[in-house]
Amino acid sequence: DGLGSLREACRRKEPLWIVFEVSGVIHLSSYLKVSSYKTIDGRGQRIKLTGKGLQLKECEHVIICNLEFEGGRDADCIQIKPKSRHIWIDRCSLRDYDDGLVDITRASTDITVS
């Protein structure tokens, strides 16, 4: 948490392209809430998110690419909730989440998983 963290970048209101300078494992003890107009881009590094997953709630125009997700207990890997739209999950590896991998609910539209 805090300035310069993935969590802080994801919650900011302005459009951001989030990239990583080094490879690493990021443990999420709570859901990472992603706001609209974000690209979370793991290209060029090996980025693994463990624990809880991502939560996209009433957001639009989000791209999540080239990330690994592993092992969340009583959690979804990626939750896409009410009225989210124009979401693209690309080239991600998702495994070992107890609840579900990608949960798309309640009038969310234009979602691509590739």
N, C-alpha and C. Protein backbone atom coordinates (compact mmCIF):
# COMPACT_ATOMS: atom_id res chain seq x y z
N ASP A 1 0.83 -1.20 0.00
CA ASP A 1 0.00 0.00 0.00
C ASP A 1 0.87 1.25 0.00
N GLY A 2 0.30 2.33 -0.41
CA GLY A 2 1.01 3.60 -0.37
C GLY A 2 1.47 4.04 -1.75
N LEU A 3 2.06 5.21 -1.78
CA LEU A 3 2.51 5.84 -3.01
C LEU A 3 3.43 4.91 -3.80
N GLY A 4 3.13 4.73 -5.07
CA GLY A 4 3.95 3.89 -5.93
C GLY A 4 3.58 2.42 -5.91
N SER A 5 2.61 2.04 -5.08
CA SER A 5 2.22 0.63 -4.99
C SER A 5 1.21 0.28 -6.08
N LEU A 6 1.10 -1.00 -6.37
CA LEU A 6 0.10 -1.47 -7.32
C LEU A 6 -1.30 -1.12 -6.83
N ARG A 7 -1.55 -1.31 -5.56
CA ARG A 7 -2.88 -1.01 -5.00
C ARG A 7 -3.23 0.47 -5.18
N GLU A 8 -2.29 1.34 -4.90
CA GLU A 8 -2.55 2.78 -5.03
C GLU A 8 -2.78 3.16 -6.50
N ALA A 9 -2.02 2.58 -7.41
CA ALA A 9 -2.19 2.88 -8.83
C ALA A 9 -3.55 2.41 -9.34
N CYS A 10 -4.00 1.25 -8.89
CA CYS A 10 -5.28 0.71 -9.34
C CYS A 10 -6.47 1.52 -8.86
N ARG A 11 -6.35 2.16 -7.73
CA ARG A 11 -7.51 2.91 -7.20
C ARG A 11 -7.56 4.35 -7.68
N ARG A 12 -6.50 4.84 -8.31
CA ARG A 12 -6.49 6.23 -8.79
C ARG A 12 -7.57 6.44 -9.83
N LYS A 13 -8.07 7.64 -9.94
CA LYS A 13 -9.19 7.95 -10.84
C LYS A 13 -8.77 8.16 -12.29
N GLU A 14 -7.55 8.65 -12.53
CA GLU A 14 -7.15 8.96 -13.90
C GLU A 14 -6.71 7.69 -14.65
N PRO A 15 -6.74 7.73 -15.99
CA PRO A 15 -6.26 6.59 -16.78
C PRO A 15 -4.78 6.33 -16.50
N LEU A 16 -4.42 5.05 -16.35
CA LEU A 16 -3.02 4.68 -16.11
C LEU A 16 -2.68 3.40 -16.85
N TRP A 17 -1.44 3.34 -17.33
CA TRP A 17 -0.86 2.12 -17.86
C TRP A 17 0.17 1.69 -16.83
N ILE A 18 -0.12 0.62 -16.12
CA ILE A 18 0.71 0.17 -15.01
C ILE A 18 1.66 -0.91 -15.52
N VAL A 19 2.97 -0.67 -15.38
CA VAL A 19 3.99 -1.63 -15.79
C VAL A 19 4.89 -1.93 -14.59
N PHE A 20 5.70 -2.96 -14.73
CA PHE A 20 6.55 -3.42 -13.63
C PHE A 20 8.00 -3.38 -14.08
N GLU A 21 8.87 -2.86 -13.22
CA GLU A 21 10.29 -2.77 -13.55
C GLU A 21 11.05 -4.03 -13.20
N VAL A 22 10.56 -4.79 -12.23
CA VAL A 22 11.22 -6.03 -11.81
C VAL A 22 10.18 -7.14 -11.67
N SER A 23 10.64 -8.37 -11.79
CA SER A 23 9.78 -9.52 -11.55
C SER A 23 9.56 -9.68 -10.06
N GLY A 24 8.47 -10.36 -9.69
CA GLY A 24 8.25 -10.60 -8.28
C GLY A 24 6.88 -11.17 -7.97
N VAL A 25 6.70 -11.50 -6.70
CA VAL A 25 5.44 -12.03 -6.19
C VAL A 25 4.81 -10.95 -5.32
N ILE A 26 3.53 -10.68 -5.56
CA ILE A 26 2.79 -9.71 -4.76
C ILE A 26 1.68 -10.46 -4.06
N HIS A 27 1.72 -10.49 -2.73
CA HIS A 27 0.67 -11.17 -1.97
C HIS A 27 -0.43 -10.16 -1.63
N LEU A 28 -1.66 -10.52 -2.01
CA LEU A 28 -2.81 -9.66 -1.74
C LEU A 28 -3.60 -10.23 -0.56
N SER A 29 -3.59 -9.53 0.56
CA SER A 29 -4.36 -9.99 1.72
C SER A 29 -5.82 -9.56 1.63
N SER A 30 -6.12 -8.62 0.74
CA SER A 30 -7.50 -8.22 0.45
C SER A 30 -7.61 -7.99 -1.05
N TYR A 31 -8.84 -7.97 -1.55
CA TYR A 31 -9.03 -7.77 -2.99
C TYR A 31 -8.39 -6.47 -3.46
N LEU A 32 -7.78 -6.53 -4.63
CA LEU A 32 -7.21 -5.35 -5.27
C LEU A 32 -8.31 -4.72 -6.12
N LYS A 33 -8.79 -3.57 -5.72
CA LYS A 33 -9.90 -2.90 -6.41
C LYS A 33 -9.35 -2.06 -7.55
N VAL A 34 -9.81 -2.38 -8.75
CA VAL A 34 -9.31 -1.73 -9.96
C VAL A 34 -10.37 -0.75 -10.46
N SER A 35 -9.99 0.50 -10.68
CA SER A 35 -10.93 1.49 -11.19
C SER A 35 -10.83 1.57 -12.72
N SER A 36 -11.71 2.34 -13.32
CA SER A 36 -11.80 2.46 -14.78
C SER A 36 -10.52 3.00 -15.42
N TYR A 37 -10.37 2.65 -16.69
CA TYR A 37 -9.29 3.16 -17.54
C TYR A 37 -7.90 2.80 -17.01
N LYS A 38 -7.74 1.52 -16.73
CA LYS A 38 -6.44 1.01 -16.27
C LYS A 38 -5.98 -0.11 -17.19
N THR A 39 -4.69 -0.15 -17.46
CA THR A 39 -4.03 -1.30 -18.07
C THR A 39 -3.00 -1.79 -17.07
N ILE A 40 -3.13 -3.03 -16.64
CA ILE A 40 -2.14 -3.65 -15.75
C ILE A 40 -1.36 -4.62 -16.63
N ASP A 41 -0.12 -4.27 -16.93
CA ASP A 41 0.66 -4.92 -17.98
C ASP A 41 1.91 -5.58 -17.40
N GLY A 42 1.92 -6.90 -17.38
CA GLY A 42 3.06 -7.64 -16.84
C GLY A 42 4.11 -8.00 -17.88
N ARG A 43 3.97 -7.54 -19.12
CA ARG A 43 4.94 -7.90 -20.17
C ARG A 43 6.36 -7.54 -19.77
N GLY A 44 7.28 -8.46 -20.07
CA GLY A 44 8.70 -8.21 -19.83
C GLY A 44 9.16 -8.62 -18.45
N GLN A 45 8.24 -8.91 -17.55
CA GLN A 45 8.58 -9.34 -16.19
C GLN A 45 7.72 -10.55 -15.85
N ARG A 46 8.11 -11.26 -14.82
CA ARG A 46 7.27 -12.34 -14.32
C ARG A 46 6.61 -11.84 -13.03
N ILE A 47 5.33 -11.53 -13.13
CA ILE A 47 4.58 -10.97 -12.01
C ILE A 47 3.55 -12.00 -11.58
N LYS A 48 3.63 -12.40 -10.32
CA LYS A 48 2.67 -13.36 -9.77
C LYS A 48 1.92 -12.70 -8.62
N LEU A 49 0.58 -12.74 -8.69
CA LEU A 49 -0.27 -12.24 -7.62
C LEU A 49 -0.83 -13.45 -6.89
N THR A 50 -0.68 -13.47 -5.56
CA THR A 50 -1.18 -14.58 -4.76
C THR A 50 -2.16 -14.06 -3.71
N GLY A 51 -2.90 -14.99 -3.12
CA GLY A 51 -3.87 -14.60 -2.09
C GLY A 51 -5.18 -14.21 -2.73
N LYS A 52 -5.70 -13.07 -2.35
CA LYS A 52 -6.95 -12.57 -2.94
C LYS A 52 -6.69 -12.15 -4.38
N GLY A 53 -7.76 -11.82 -5.10
CA GLY A 53 -7.62 -11.47 -6.50
C GLY A 53 -7.97 -10.02 -6.78
N LEU A 54 -8.41 -9.79 -8.02
CA LEU A 54 -8.79 -8.45 -8.46
C LEU A 54 -10.30 -8.28 -8.40
N GLN A 55 -10.74 -7.08 -8.11
CA GLN A 55 -12.16 -6.76 -8.09
C GLN A 55 -12.40 -5.54 -8.97
N LEU A 56 -13.20 -5.74 -10.02
CA LEU A 56 -13.59 -4.66 -10.93
C LEU A 56 -15.07 -4.43 -10.71
N LYS A 57 -15.42 -3.30 -10.16
CA LYS A 57 -16.80 -3.02 -9.78
C LYS A 57 -17.25 -1.72 -10.44
N GLU A 58 -18.28 -1.83 -11.30
CA GLU A 58 -18.82 -0.66 -12.01
C GLU A 58 -17.71 0.13 -12.69
N CYS A 59 -16.85 -0.58 -13.42
CA CYS A 59 -15.77 0.11 -14.11
C CYS A 59 -15.78 -0.26 -15.59
N GLU A 60 -14.99 0.48 -16.36
CA GLU A 60 -14.95 0.24 -17.80
C GLU A 60 -13.55 0.50 -18.33
N HIS A 61 -13.29 -0.11 -19.48
CA HIS A 61 -12.03 0.06 -20.19
C HIS A 61 -10.84 -0.33 -19.31
N VAL A 62 -10.78 -1.62 -18.97
CA VAL A 62 -9.68 -2.17 -18.17
C VAL A 62 -9.05 -3.31 -18.97
N ILE A 63 -7.72 -3.33 -19.02
CA ILE A 63 -6.96 -4.41 -19.64
C ILE A 63 -6.05 -5.00 -18.58
N ILE A 64 -6.09 -6.32 -18.45
CA ILE A 64 -5.22 -7.05 -17.52
C ILE A 64 -4.45 -8.06 -18.37
N CYS A 65 -3.12 -7.93 -18.45
CA CYS A 65 -2.40 -8.82 -19.35
C CYS A 65 -1.06 -9.29 -18.77
N ASN A 66 -0.73 -10.53 -19.15
CA ASN A 66 0.57 -11.13 -18.85
C ASN A 66 0.88 -11.18 -17.36
N LEU A 67 -0.10 -11.60 -16.58
CA LEU A 67 0.08 -11.78 -15.14
C LEU A 67 -0.21 -13.22 -14.76
N GLU A 68 0.38 -13.67 -13.66
CA GLU A 68 0.05 -14.97 -13.08
C GLU A 68 -0.73 -14.73 -11.80
N PHE A 69 -1.76 -15.53 -11.60
CA PHE A 69 -2.56 -15.48 -10.37
C PHE A 69 -2.55 -16.88 -9.78
N GLU A 70 -2.31 -16.98 -8.47
CA GLU A 70 -2.25 -18.30 -7.86
C GLU A 70 -2.77 -18.30 -6.44
N GLY A 71 -3.64 -19.26 -6.16
CA GLY A 71 -3.99 -19.68 -4.83
C GLY A 71 -4.66 -18.70 -3.90
N GLY A 72 -5.94 -18.50 -4.05
CA GLY A 72 -6.69 -17.71 -3.08
C GLY A 72 -7.72 -18.57 -2.40
N ARG A 73 -7.75 -18.58 -1.10
CA ARG A 73 -8.72 -19.37 -0.34
C ARG A 73 -9.98 -18.55 -0.14
N ASP A 74 -11.12 -19.16 -0.42
CA ASP A 74 -12.42 -18.49 -0.31
C ASP A 74 -12.44 -17.20 -1.11
N ALA A 75 -11.90 -17.24 -2.31
CA ALA A 75 -11.80 -16.03 -3.13
C ALA A 75 -11.97 -16.36 -4.61
N ASP A 76 -12.42 -15.37 -5.37
CA ASP A 76 -12.37 -15.43 -6.83
C ASP A 76 -11.04 -14.83 -7.27
N CYS A 77 -10.53 -15.31 -8.37
CA CYS A 77 -9.31 -14.72 -8.92
C CYS A 77 -9.59 -13.32 -9.46
N ILE A 78 -10.59 -13.21 -10.33
CA ILE A 78 -10.97 -11.91 -10.88
C ILE A 78 -12.49 -11.78 -10.80
N GLN A 79 -12.97 -10.79 -10.07
CA GLN A 79 -14.40 -10.51 -9.97
C GLN A 79 -14.72 -9.31 -10.87
N ILE A 80 -15.68 -9.51 -11.76
CA ILE A 80 -16.16 -8.41 -12.60
C ILE A 80 -17.62 -8.24 -12.24
N LYS A 81 -17.93 -7.14 -11.57
CA LYS A 81 -19.23 -6.96 -10.93
C LYS A 81 -20.09 -5.89 -11.61
N PRO A 82 -21.18 -5.52 -10.99
CA PRO A 82 -22.28 -4.79 -11.62
C PRO A 82 -21.88 -3.75 -12.65
N LYS A 83 -22.45 -3.92 -13.83
CA LYS A 83 -22.38 -2.92 -14.89
C LYS A 83 -20.97 -2.56 -15.33
N SER A 84 -20.02 -3.47 -15.17
CA SER A 84 -18.69 -3.24 -15.73
C SER A 84 -18.74 -3.56 -17.22
N ARG A 85 -17.91 -2.87 -18.01
CA ARG A 85 -17.93 -3.13 -19.45
C ARG A 85 -16.59 -2.81 -20.09
N HIS A 86 -16.38 -3.40 -21.23
CA HIS A 86 -15.14 -3.22 -22.00
C HIS A 86 -13.92 -3.62 -21.16
N ILE A 87 -13.91 -4.89 -20.77
CA ILE A 87 -12.82 -5.46 -19.97
C ILE A 87 -12.13 -6.53 -20.82
N TRP A 88 -10.80 -6.55 -20.81
CA TRP A 88 -10.04 -7.55 -21.56
C TRP A 88 -9.02 -8.18 -20.63
N ILE A 89 -9.12 -9.49 -20.46
CA ILE A 89 -8.15 -10.28 -19.70
C ILE A 89 -7.38 -11.09 -20.72
N ASP A 90 -6.08 -10.82 -20.87
CA ASP A 90 -5.30 -11.38 -21.97
C ASP A 90 -4.01 -12.02 -21.47
N ARG A 91 -3.77 -13.25 -21.88
CA ARG A 91 -2.51 -13.95 -21.60
C ARG A 91 -2.18 -14.00 -20.12
N CYS A 92 -3.17 -14.28 -19.31
CA CYS A 92 -2.95 -14.44 -17.88
C CYS A 92 -3.05 -15.92 -17.51
N SER A 93 -2.33 -16.31 -16.50
CA SER A 93 -2.40 -17.67 -15.96
C SER A 93 -3.13 -17.59 -14.62
N LEU A 94 -4.23 -18.36 -14.48
CA LEU A 94 -5.05 -18.32 -13.27
C LEU A 94 -5.18 -19.74 -12.74
N ARG A 95 -4.87 -19.94 -11.45
CA ARG A 95 -4.99 -21.30 -10.91
C ARG A 95 -5.14 -21.30 -9.39
N ASP A 96 -5.80 -22.37 -8.94
CA ASP A 96 -5.92 -22.71 -7.52
C ASP A 96 -6.69 -21.70 -6.68
N TYR A 97 -7.77 -21.16 -7.22
CA TYR A 97 -8.67 -20.32 -6.42
C TYR A 97 -9.87 -21.16 -6.02
N ASP A 98 -10.22 -21.14 -4.75
CA ASP A 98 -11.29 -22.00 -4.23
C ASP A 98 -12.66 -21.66 -4.79
N ASP A 99 -12.98 -20.38 -4.95
CA ASP A 99 -14.32 -20.00 -5.37
C ASP A 99 -14.46 -20.06 -6.88
N GLY A 100 -13.67 -19.30 -7.61
CA GLY A 100 -13.75 -19.30 -9.06
C GLY A 100 -12.58 -18.55 -9.65
N LEU A 101 -12.40 -18.74 -10.95
CA LEU A 101 -11.30 -18.03 -11.61
C LEU A 101 -11.74 -16.66 -12.10
N VAL A 102 -12.73 -16.61 -12.98
CA VAL A 102 -13.26 -15.33 -13.46
C VAL A 102 -14.76 -15.34 -13.21
N ASP A 103 -15.22 -14.42 -12.40
CA ASP A 103 -16.63 -14.33 -12.02
C ASP A 103 -17.21 -13.05 -12.62
N ILE A 104 -18.06 -13.21 -13.64
CA ILE A 104 -18.65 -12.06 -14.34
C ILE A 104 -20.13 -12.04 -14.01
N THR A 105 -20.60 -10.98 -13.34
CA THR A 105 -21.98 -10.96 -12.85
C THR A 105 -22.68 -9.64 -13.12
N ARG A 106 -23.98 -9.66 -12.95
CA ARG A 106 -24.90 -8.53 -12.89
C ARG A 106 -24.70 -7.47 -13.96
N ALA A 107 -25.13 -7.78 -15.15
CA ALA A 107 -25.18 -6.82 -16.26
C ALA A 107 -23.82 -6.30 -16.71
N SER A 108 -22.77 -7.07 -16.48
CA SER A 108 -21.47 -6.71 -17.05
C SER A 108 -21.45 -7.17 -18.51
N THR A 109 -20.92 -6.34 -19.40
CA THR A 109 -20.95 -6.65 -20.83
C THR A 109 -19.62 -6.36 -21.50
N ASP A 110 -19.47 -6.91 -22.69
CA ASP A 110 -18.28 -6.68 -23.52
C ASP A 110 -16.99 -7.07 -22.78
N ILE A 111 -16.98 -8.30 -22.28
CA ILE A 111 -15.84 -8.85 -21.55
C ILE A 111 -15.15 -9.87 -22.45
N THR A 112 -13.83 -9.78 -22.59
CA THR A 112 -13.07 -10.74 -23.38
C THR A 112 -12.03 -11.39 -22.49
N VAL A 113 -11.98 -12.73 -22.53
CA VAL A 113 -10.94 -13.50 -21.84
C VAL A 113 -10.22 -14.28 -22.94
N SER A 114 -8.94 -13.99 -23.12
CA SER A 114 -8.20 -14.65 -24.20
C SER A 114 -6.81 -15.09 -23.75
